Protein backbone atom coordinates (compact mmCIF):
# COMPACT_ATOMS: atom_id res chain seq x y z
CA MET A 1 38.13 22.24 24.29
CA ALA A 2 36.09 20.72 26.63
CA LYS A 3 36.02 16.79 27.92
CA SER A 4 33.48 15.11 25.65
CA SER A 5 31.98 11.82 25.54
CA ALA A 6 34.06 11.39 21.73
CA ASP A 7 37.24 10.65 24.21
CA ASP A 8 35.54 8.37 26.59
CA ALA A 9 37.74 5.07 25.18
CA GLU A 10 35.36 2.77 27.41
CA LEU A 11 32.29 4.06 25.00
CA ARG A 12 34.19 3.12 22.07
CA ARG A 13 34.86 -0.32 23.28
CA ALA A 14 31.10 -0.66 24.12
CA CYS A 15 30.42 0.61 20.42
CA ALA A 16 32.28 -1.87 18.78
CA ALA A 17 31.26 -4.69 21.19
CA ALA A 18 27.82 -3.89 19.68
CA VAL A 19 28.73 -3.69 16.22
CA ALA A 20 30.38 -7.03 16.38
CA ALA A 21 27.55 -8.78 18.22
CA SER A 22 25.30 -7.33 15.32
CA GLY A 23 26.89 -9.47 12.99
CA ALA A 24 29.12 -7.12 11.25
CA ARG A 25 32.66 -8.43 10.38
CA GLY A 26 35.56 -6.66 9.74
CA GLU A 27 33.81 -3.22 10.58
CA GLU A 28 35.84 -0.82 13.19
CA VAL A 29 34.46 2.12 15.12
CA SER A 30 36.36 5.25 14.06
CA PHE A 31 34.47 8.09 16.08
CA SER A 32 31.57 7.30 18.71
CA ILE A 33 29.72 10.13 20.77
CA ARG A 34 26.24 10.47 22.96
CA VAL A 35 23.75 12.89 21.56
CA ALA A 36 21.37 15.40 23.75
CA LYS A 37 18.29 14.05 22.04
CA GLY A 38 17.06 12.78 18.42
CA ARG A 39 13.83 13.12 16.64
CA GLY A 40 11.64 10.11 17.09
CA ILE A 41 8.53 8.88 17.95
CA PHE A 42 8.87 9.55 21.48
CA GLU A 43 9.37 13.48 20.95
CA LYS A 44 5.99 13.63 19.42
CA LEU A 45 4.05 11.76 22.10
CA GLY A 46 5.64 14.69 24.20
CA ARG A 47 8.05 12.20 26.05
CA LEU A 48 11.64 12.63 26.39
CA ALA A 49 13.93 10.56 23.96
CA LYS A 50 15.92 7.80 25.18
CA PRO A 51 19.53 8.25 25.17
CA ARG A 52 21.64 7.33 21.74
CA VAL A 53 24.98 7.06 20.93
CA LEU A 54 26.26 7.89 17.60
CA ALA A 55 29.18 5.48 16.29
CA LEU A 56 31.38 5.95 12.85
CA THR A 57 32.51 2.92 11.46
CA THR A 58 34.58 1.70 8.55
CA LYS A 59 35.03 -1.23 6.70
CA HIS A 60 38.16 -1.86 4.53
CA SER A 61 37.71 -4.40 2.02
CA SER A 62 40.99 -6.94 1.33
CA LYS A 63 39.56 -8.41 -1.90
CA GLY A 64 40.05 -5.49 -4.16
CA GLU A 65 36.49 -3.80 -3.36
CA ALA A 66 35.86 -0.54 -2.36
CA ASP A 67 35.98 0.43 1.33
CA LYS A 68 32.52 1.45 3.30
CA ALA A 69 31.43 3.65 5.85
CA PHE A 70 28.53 3.45 8.15
CA LEU A 71 26.94 5.61 10.43
CA ARG A 72 25.52 3.18 13.23
CA VAL A 73 22.67 4.66 15.79
CA LEU A 74 23.25 2.92 19.20
CA LYS A 75 20.59 2.74 22.39
CA TYR A 76 21.05 1.35 25.93
CA SER A 77 19.03 -2.15 26.32
CA SER A 78 17.21 -2.89 29.66
CA GLY A 79 20.25 -4.06 30.98
CA ALA A 80 22.10 -0.72 29.93
CA VAL A 81 24.08 -2.19 26.96
CA LEU A 82 24.47 -0.68 23.58
CA GLU A 83 22.66 -2.73 20.90
CA PRO A 84 22.35 -1.51 17.06
CA ALA A 85 19.14 0.36 16.31
CA LYS A 86 20.03 1.94 13.20
CA LEU A 87 22.41 1.69 9.99
CA TYR A 88 22.99 4.32 7.68
CA LYS A 89 25.50 4.16 4.73
CA LEU A 90 27.49 7.37 4.45
CA LYS A 91 27.81 6.70 0.29
CA HIS A 92 24.24 7.76 0.20
CA LEU A 93 24.91 11.31 2.37
CA THR A 94 24.12 14.16 -0.05
CA LYS A 95 23.59 16.92 2.61
CA VAL A 96 24.75 18.39 6.02
CA GLU A 97 22.30 20.97 7.68
CA VAL A 98 21.82 22.97 10.50
CA ILE A 99 18.82 23.63 11.75
CA SER A 100 18.37 27.72 11.78
CA SER A 101 15.97 27.45 13.99
CA ASP A 102 17.63 25.96 17.19
CA PRO A 103 19.41 29.16 18.28
CA SER A 104 22.22 27.23 20.30
CA GLY A 105 22.99 26.10 16.74
CA CYS A 106 23.61 22.18 17.80
CA THR A 107 21.06 20.47 15.83
CA PHE A 108 21.78 19.38 12.72
CA VAL A 109 20.19 16.90 10.09
CA LEU A 110 21.78 14.51 7.59
CA GLY A 111 20.05 14.00 4.24
CA PHE A 112 20.51 10.66 2.29
CA ASP A 113 19.05 10.16 -1.22
CA ASN A 114 17.97 6.84 -0.65
CA LEU A 115 15.11 8.01 1.71
CA ARG A 116 12.85 8.44 -0.61
CA SER A 117 9.36 7.74 1.03
CA GLN A 118 8.16 11.55 1.67
CA THR A 119 6.97 10.22 4.85
CA VAL A 120 10.47 9.37 6.59
CA ALA A 121 11.92 12.03 8.01
CA PRO A 122 15.74 12.59 7.91
CA PRO A 123 17.47 11.92 10.91
CA GLN A 124 18.13 14.86 13.15
CA TRP A 125 20.15 15.18 16.37
CA THR A 126 20.93 17.92 18.66
CA MET A 127 24.52 17.74 20.19
CA ARG A 128 25.42 18.72 23.75
CA ASN A 129 27.93 21.51 22.60
CA ILE A 130 29.11 22.85 19.59
CA ASP A 131 32.43 21.52 20.02
CA ASP A 132 30.32 17.92 20.07
CA ARG A 133 28.50 19.15 16.73
CA ASN A 134 32.17 20.07 14.99
CA ARG A 135 33.65 16.95 15.89
CA LEU A 136 31.25 14.87 14.40
CA LEU A 137 30.06 16.77 11.06
CA PHE A 138 33.89 17.41 10.65
CA CYS A 139 34.52 13.78 11.15
CA ILE A 140 31.27 12.61 8.89
CA LEU A 141 33.47 15.17 6.15
CA ASN A 142 36.61 13.28 6.96
CA ILE A 143 35.31 9.69 6.43
CA CYS A 144 33.44 10.97 3.14
CA LYS A 145 36.68 12.67 1.49
CA GLU A 146 39.11 9.90 2.65
CA ILE A 147 37.27 6.64 2.13
CA LEU A 148 34.31 7.97 -0.50
CA SER A 149 36.41 10.59 -2.32
CA TYR A 150 33.49 13.23 -2.23
CA LEU A 151 32.08 15.62 0.11
CA PRO A 152 28.25 16.23 1.23
CA LYS A 153 26.55 19.43 0.71
CA VAL A 154 26.90 21.76 3.70
CA VAL A 155 24.12 23.94 4.67
CA GLY A 156 23.49 26.69 7.34
CA ILE A 157 26.89 26.70 8.73
CA ASP A 158 30.06 28.64 7.80
CA ILE A 159 32.25 26.47 6.21
CA VAL A 160 35.48 28.71 6.70
CA GLU A 161 34.64 28.78 10.22
CA LEU A 162 34.49 24.95 10.50
CA ALA A 163 37.55 24.93 8.99
CA LEU A 164 39.26 27.04 11.24
CA TRP A 165 37.92 25.27 13.93
CA ALA A 166 39.43 21.88 12.32
CA LYS A 167 42.59 23.69 12.20
CA GLU A 168 42.94 24.78 15.60
CA ASN A 169 41.46 21.19 17.24
CA THR A 170 43.29 19.03 14.75
CA LEU A 171 45.95 17.89 17.38
CA THR A 172 42.86 16.90 20.01
CA LEU A 173 40.86 15.07 17.37
CA ASP A 174 44.18 13.10 16.59
CA ASN A 175 45.19 12.27 19.75
CA GLN A 176 41.52 10.81 20.03
CA GLU A 177 41.82 8.92 16.91
CA ASN A 178 45.17 7.38 17.85
CA ASN A 179 43.66 6.03 20.63
CA ASN A 180 41.31 3.99 18.74
CA GLN A 181 44.35 2.37 16.71
CA GLU A 182 46.30 1.10 20.11
CA GLY A 183 47.28 -3.06 19.18
CA ARG A 184 47.85 -2.29 15.42
CA GLU A 185 51.44 -3.07 13.78
CA THR A 186 51.28 0.62 12.20
CA SER A 187 53.08 3.04 14.05
CA VAL A 188 51.13 5.91 15.62
CA ALA A 189 53.56 8.30 13.86
CA THR A 190 52.40 7.23 10.19
CA GLN A 191 48.77 7.07 11.44
CA THR A 192 48.73 10.62 12.73
CA GLU A 193 50.80 11.94 9.59
CA ARG A 194 47.89 10.16 7.57
CA LYS A 195 45.08 11.66 9.38
CA VAL A 196 46.22 15.43 9.27
CA THR A 197 46.81 14.76 6.42
CA ALA A 198 43.34 13.89 5.00
CA LYS A 199 42.20 16.65 7.75
CA VAL A 200 44.47 19.10 6.01
CA THR A 201 43.04 18.05 2.84
CA VAL A 202 39.09 18.62 4.24
CA GLU A 203 39.82 22.04 5.50
CA ASN A 204 41.01 22.95 1.98
CA ASP A 205 38.04 21.92 0.34
CA LEU A 206 35.62 23.65 2.75
CA VAL A 207 37.46 26.57 1.99
CA SER A 208 37.76 25.92 -1.63
CA GLN A 209 34.19 25.29 -1.54
CA ALA A 210 33.44 28.54 0.25
CA LYS A 211 35.60 30.32 -2.14
CA ASP A 212 33.47 28.87 -5.13
CA GLU A 213 30.41 30.01 -3.91
CA GLU A 214 31.70 33.90 -3.12
CA GLU A 215 32.94 33.94 -6.74
CA ASP A 216 29.73 32.41 -8.34
CA MET A 217 28.28 35.74 -6.34
CA GLU A 218 30.61 38.03 -7.41
CA ALA A 219 29.88 36.58 -11.10
CA LEU A 220 26.49 37.20 -10.63
CA LEU A 221 26.94 40.71 -9.29
CA ASP A 222 29.94 41.21 -12.45
CA THR A 223 26.53 40.65 -14.78
CA TYR A 224 25.02 43.60 -13.43
CA VAL A 225 27.99 45.25 -13.15
CA MET A 226 27.81 45.68 -9.55
CA GLY A 227 30.09 45.63 -6.46
CA ILE A 228 30.30 43.45 -3.39
CA GLY A 229 28.98 45.84 -1.15
CA GLU A 230 25.64 47.18 -3.46
CA ALA A 231 23.20 44.70 -2.14
CA ASP A 232 20.54 47.46 -2.20
CA ALA A 233 20.80 48.27 -5.43
CA PHE A 234 21.16 44.68 -6.60
CA SER A 235 17.99 43.52 -4.68
CA GLU A 236 16.13 46.63 -6.25
CA ARG A 237 17.34 45.45 -9.76
CA LEU A 238 16.42 41.64 -9.13
CA LYS A 239 12.74 43.25 -8.37
CA GLN A 240 12.42 44.91 -11.36
CA GLU A 241 13.23 41.91 -13.44
CA LEU A 242 10.79 39.94 -11.46
CA VAL A 243 7.97 42.40 -12.44
CA ALA A 244 9.42 42.68 -15.98
CA LEU A 245 9.40 38.52 -16.43
CA GLU A 246 5.60 38.83 -14.84
CA ALA A 247 4.51 41.05 -17.29
CA ALA A 248 6.20 38.97 -20.20
CA ASN A 249 4.51 35.69 -18.32
CA VAL A 250 1.10 37.40 -18.66
CA TYR A 251 1.94 38.90 -22.09
CA GLN A 252 2.66 35.31 -23.20
CA LEU A 253 -0.74 34.32 -21.71
CA LEU A 254 -2.45 36.35 -23.40
CA GLU A 255 -0.76 35.71 -26.94
CA SER A 256 -1.61 31.84 -26.15
CA GLU A 257 -5.67 32.83 -25.74
CA PRO A 258 -6.44 31.54 -29.15
CA LEU A 259 -4.88 27.96 -28.42
CA ILE A 260 -6.44 28.19 -25.20
CA GLU A 261 -9.89 28.77 -26.45
CA GLU A 262 -9.55 25.54 -29.27
CA VAL A 263 -8.57 23.52 -26.12
CA LEU A 264 -11.58 24.61 -24.12
CA GLN A 265 -13.71 23.75 -27.05
CA GLY A 266 -12.17 20.24 -27.51
CA ILE A 267 -12.76 20.12 -23.91
CA ASP A 268 -16.58 20.77 -24.31
CA ALA A 269 -16.92 18.63 -27.40
CA ALA A 270 -15.39 15.83 -25.44
CA SER A 271 -17.75 16.66 -22.60
CA ALA A 272 -21.13 16.56 -25.09
CA THR A 273 -19.68 13.33 -26.44
CA ILE A 274 -19.58 11.96 -23.28
CA ASP A 275 -23.02 13.62 -21.83
CA ASP A 276 -24.36 11.53 -25.11
CA MET A 277 -22.88 8.45 -24.45
CA ASP A 278 -23.89 8.50 -20.82
CA GLU A 279 -27.38 9.00 -22.19
CA TRP A 280 -27.27 5.94 -24.09
CA LEU A 281 -25.99 3.70 -21.50
CA ARG A 282 -29.09 4.80 -19.55
CA ILE A 283 -31.26 3.53 -22.56
CA PHE A 284 -29.53 0.65 -22.89
CA ASN A 285 -29.26 -0.14 -19.03
CA LEU A 286 -33.29 0.61 -19.23
CA LYS A 287 -33.62 -1.70 -22.07
CA LEU A 288 -31.79 -4.44 -20.55
CA ARG A 289 -33.37 -4.33 -17.31
CA HIS A 290 -37.14 -4.72 -19.47
CA MET A 291 -35.51 -7.54 -20.82
CA ARG A 292 -34.66 -9.56 -17.82
CA GLU A 293 -38.13 -8.69 -16.72
CA ASP A 294 -39.25 -10.63 -19.34
CA ILE A 295 -37.18 -13.41 -19.46
CA SER A 296 -37.60 -14.05 -15.83
CA SER A 297 -41.44 -14.07 -16.69
CA ILE A 298 -41.41 -15.93 -19.25
CA GLU A 299 -38.84 -18.61 -17.20
CA SER A 300 -41.56 -18.30 -14.40
CA ARG A 301 -44.30 -19.48 -17.15
CA ASN A 302 -42.54 -22.02 -18.23
CA ASN A 303 -41.59 -23.59 -14.97
CA GLY A 304 -45.31 -23.65 -14.15
CA LEU A 305 -46.13 -25.16 -17.79
CA GLU A 306 -43.36 -27.72 -16.73
CA MET A 307 -45.25 -28.48 -13.61
CA GLN A 308 -49.00 -28.53 -15.31
CA SER A 309 -47.21 -30.93 -17.45
CA VAL A 310 -45.78 -33.34 -14.73
CA ASN A 311 -48.82 -33.18 -12.90
CA ASN A 312 -51.05 -33.48 -16.09
CA LYS A 313 -48.97 -36.62 -16.70
CA GLY A 314 -49.41 -38.11 -13.37
CA LEU A 315 -53.06 -37.69 -13.33
CA VAL A 316 -53.05 -39.36 -16.69
CA GLU A 317 -51.71 -42.30 -15.38
CA GLU A 318 -53.85 -42.35 -12.25
CA LEU A 319 -56.83 -42.18 -14.06
CA GLU A 320 -55.49 -44.73 -16.74
CA LYS A 321 -55.28 -47.26 -13.40
CA LEU A 322 -58.53 -46.40 -12.13
CA LEU A 323 -60.23 -47.21 -15.57
CA GLU A 324 -58.55 -50.47 -15.34
CA ARG A 325 -60.32 -51.28 -11.75
CA LEU A 326 -63.79 -49.66 -14.34
CA ARG A 327 -63.53 -51.90 -17.12
CA ILE A 328 -66.29 -54.84 -16.84
CA PRO A 329 -65.67 -57.98 -18.08
CA GLN A 330 -67.41 -58.44 -21.64
CA GLU A 331 -69.46 -61.37 -20.32
CA PHE A 332 -70.91 -59.49 -17.40
CA ALA A 333 -71.60 -56.03 -20.01
CA ALA A 334 -73.79 -58.58 -21.93
CA SER A 335 -75.87 -59.50 -19.03
CA LEU A 336 -76.09 -56.24 -17.72
CA THR A 337 -76.91 -54.35 -20.53
CA GLY A 338 -79.02 -56.62 -22.84
CA GLY A 339 -79.39 -59.76 -21.24
CA SER A 340 -83.23 -61.26 -20.43
CA PHE A 341 -84.72 -62.25 -17.33
CA GLU A 342 -85.79 -65.46 -18.66
CA GLU A 343 -84.96 -68.04 -15.47
CA SER A 344 -81.86 -70.06 -17.58
CA ARG A 345 -79.96 -66.93 -17.56
CA MET A 346 -80.39 -65.72 -14.20
CA LEU A 347 -78.06 -67.13 -12.61
CA LYS A 348 -75.38 -64.98 -15.48
CA ASN A 349 -77.11 -62.32 -14.51
CA VAL A 350 -76.96 -62.79 -10.79
CA GLU A 351 -73.12 -63.00 -11.17
CA ALA A 352 -73.09 -59.79 -13.14
CA CYS A 353 -75.01 -57.98 -10.60
CA GLU A 354 -72.88 -59.14 -7.78
CA TRP A 355 -69.65 -58.07 -9.62
CA LEU A 356 -71.17 -54.85 -10.61
CA THR A 357 -71.87 -54.43 -6.58
CA GLY A 358 -68.26 -55.49 -5.73
CA ALA A 359 -66.87 -52.99 -8.10
CA ILE A 360 -68.87 -50.06 -7.00
CA ARG A 361 -68.01 -51.17 -3.40
CA CYS A 362 -64.36 -50.85 -4.32
CA LEU A 363 -64.71 -47.49 -5.34
CA GLU A 364 -66.21 -46.50 -2.20
CA VAL A 365 -64.48 -44.26 0.30
CA PRO A 366 -62.75 -47.56 2.57
CA ASN A 367 -61.54 -49.00 -0.36
CA LEU A 368 -60.66 -46.18 -2.41
CA ASP A 369 -57.86 -43.65 -1.86
CA PRO A 370 -59.62 -40.65 -0.41
CA SER A 371 -57.95 -38.31 -2.42
CA TYR A 372 -59.82 -39.47 -5.35
CA VAL A 373 -63.38 -39.26 -3.66
CA ASN A 374 -63.67 -35.65 -4.60
CA MET A 375 -62.18 -35.17 -7.87
CA ARG A 376 -64.39 -34.48 -10.54
CA ALA A 377 -62.35 -36.89 -12.99
CA VAL A 378 -63.34 -39.74 -11.00
CA SER A 379 -66.78 -39.02 -9.97
CA TYR A 380 -67.44 -38.13 -13.76
CA LEU A 381 -66.38 -42.05 -14.66
CA MET A 382 -68.40 -43.27 -11.96
CA ASN A 383 -71.17 -42.09 -12.91
CA SER A 384 -70.59 -42.61 -16.66
CA CYS A 385 -69.69 -46.32 -16.21
CA PHE A 386 -71.79 -47.28 -13.55
CA GLY A 387 -74.85 -45.15 -13.71
CA TYR A 388 -75.44 -46.25 -16.79
CA TYR A 389 -75.27 -49.66 -15.36
CA ASN A 390 -77.31 -48.88 -12.64
CA ILE A 391 -80.37 -47.25 -14.99
CA ASN A 392 -80.22 -50.04 -17.40
CA SER A 393 -80.44 -52.50 -14.16
């Protein structure tokens, strides 16, 4: 098998340092490899994606908790130092699918059940060659079986072929993973035996999965009393049954026509009721609009009446003040209206005339507010009061 970045011990140590720097405690890097490219925003923009490194890490708990496994995506920073980019939990891995549109077979997709948003595309990676792809996929399957005790669904790849490849390359993979166990107290032989046993279990599970699929197909063919080689006859039989099912579906639709008519009648009745309600709402809206206009008119008139009342009150107060100025003392009124011109009363008559002259001057423009000069009420009061005395005088 050709030299791969999975055998690069320096890359493994750099991944371990990046994981430790991220704050993850107790995680061990079991496998690391460079990918040719990954799907991302740079590819959508027509630019080359930056190189990435995939690292499989495990975390063994000493408190009785279940062991954990992660797939970490690492990227190179500006200083050519690896740093974490994304983290996927392998317990959510449900499917491993090799993309059939890639003729090289090096592109695959990992399906995780916790990526619920439809706008988030599942992670897709393209390896440098088939061996790198098989290395990564088999290591993922091995960790899922060993730590999580289950295997995700494998789509788009011959399971038997993958199992045979794993069997042929078990020794190489063991040597690679044993290099990662340096410094541990457990012996290398024990670790190798344990991993070989796990890999054999994965191979058996893959072969068992393939056999189960083949048995399911044979059972389906036995239902139609056909052999595994009679694919054309089986296809024709399926087409005939499909036509029969479609005919039965049409017949069922025809039988349910009275129910459909009843539902349509109910919909028509509901639509008519809605139209009536809409008409009522339009009428009520028109009435409410007229009521709003009437209320606005009444409020406007009320405001005018209030203003007029205030003005009238002010006018009455001013007129009362003016009347106070026009009120003639009783002794002068008697002299001005009915007094005789005898010599003994001439002095009082002169005083009354002088008072009347002074009062008239007080009601002229220099002594009276100019705003009162043109008021009809003031003119009327002056004419009615002083005109009478002028005539009598």
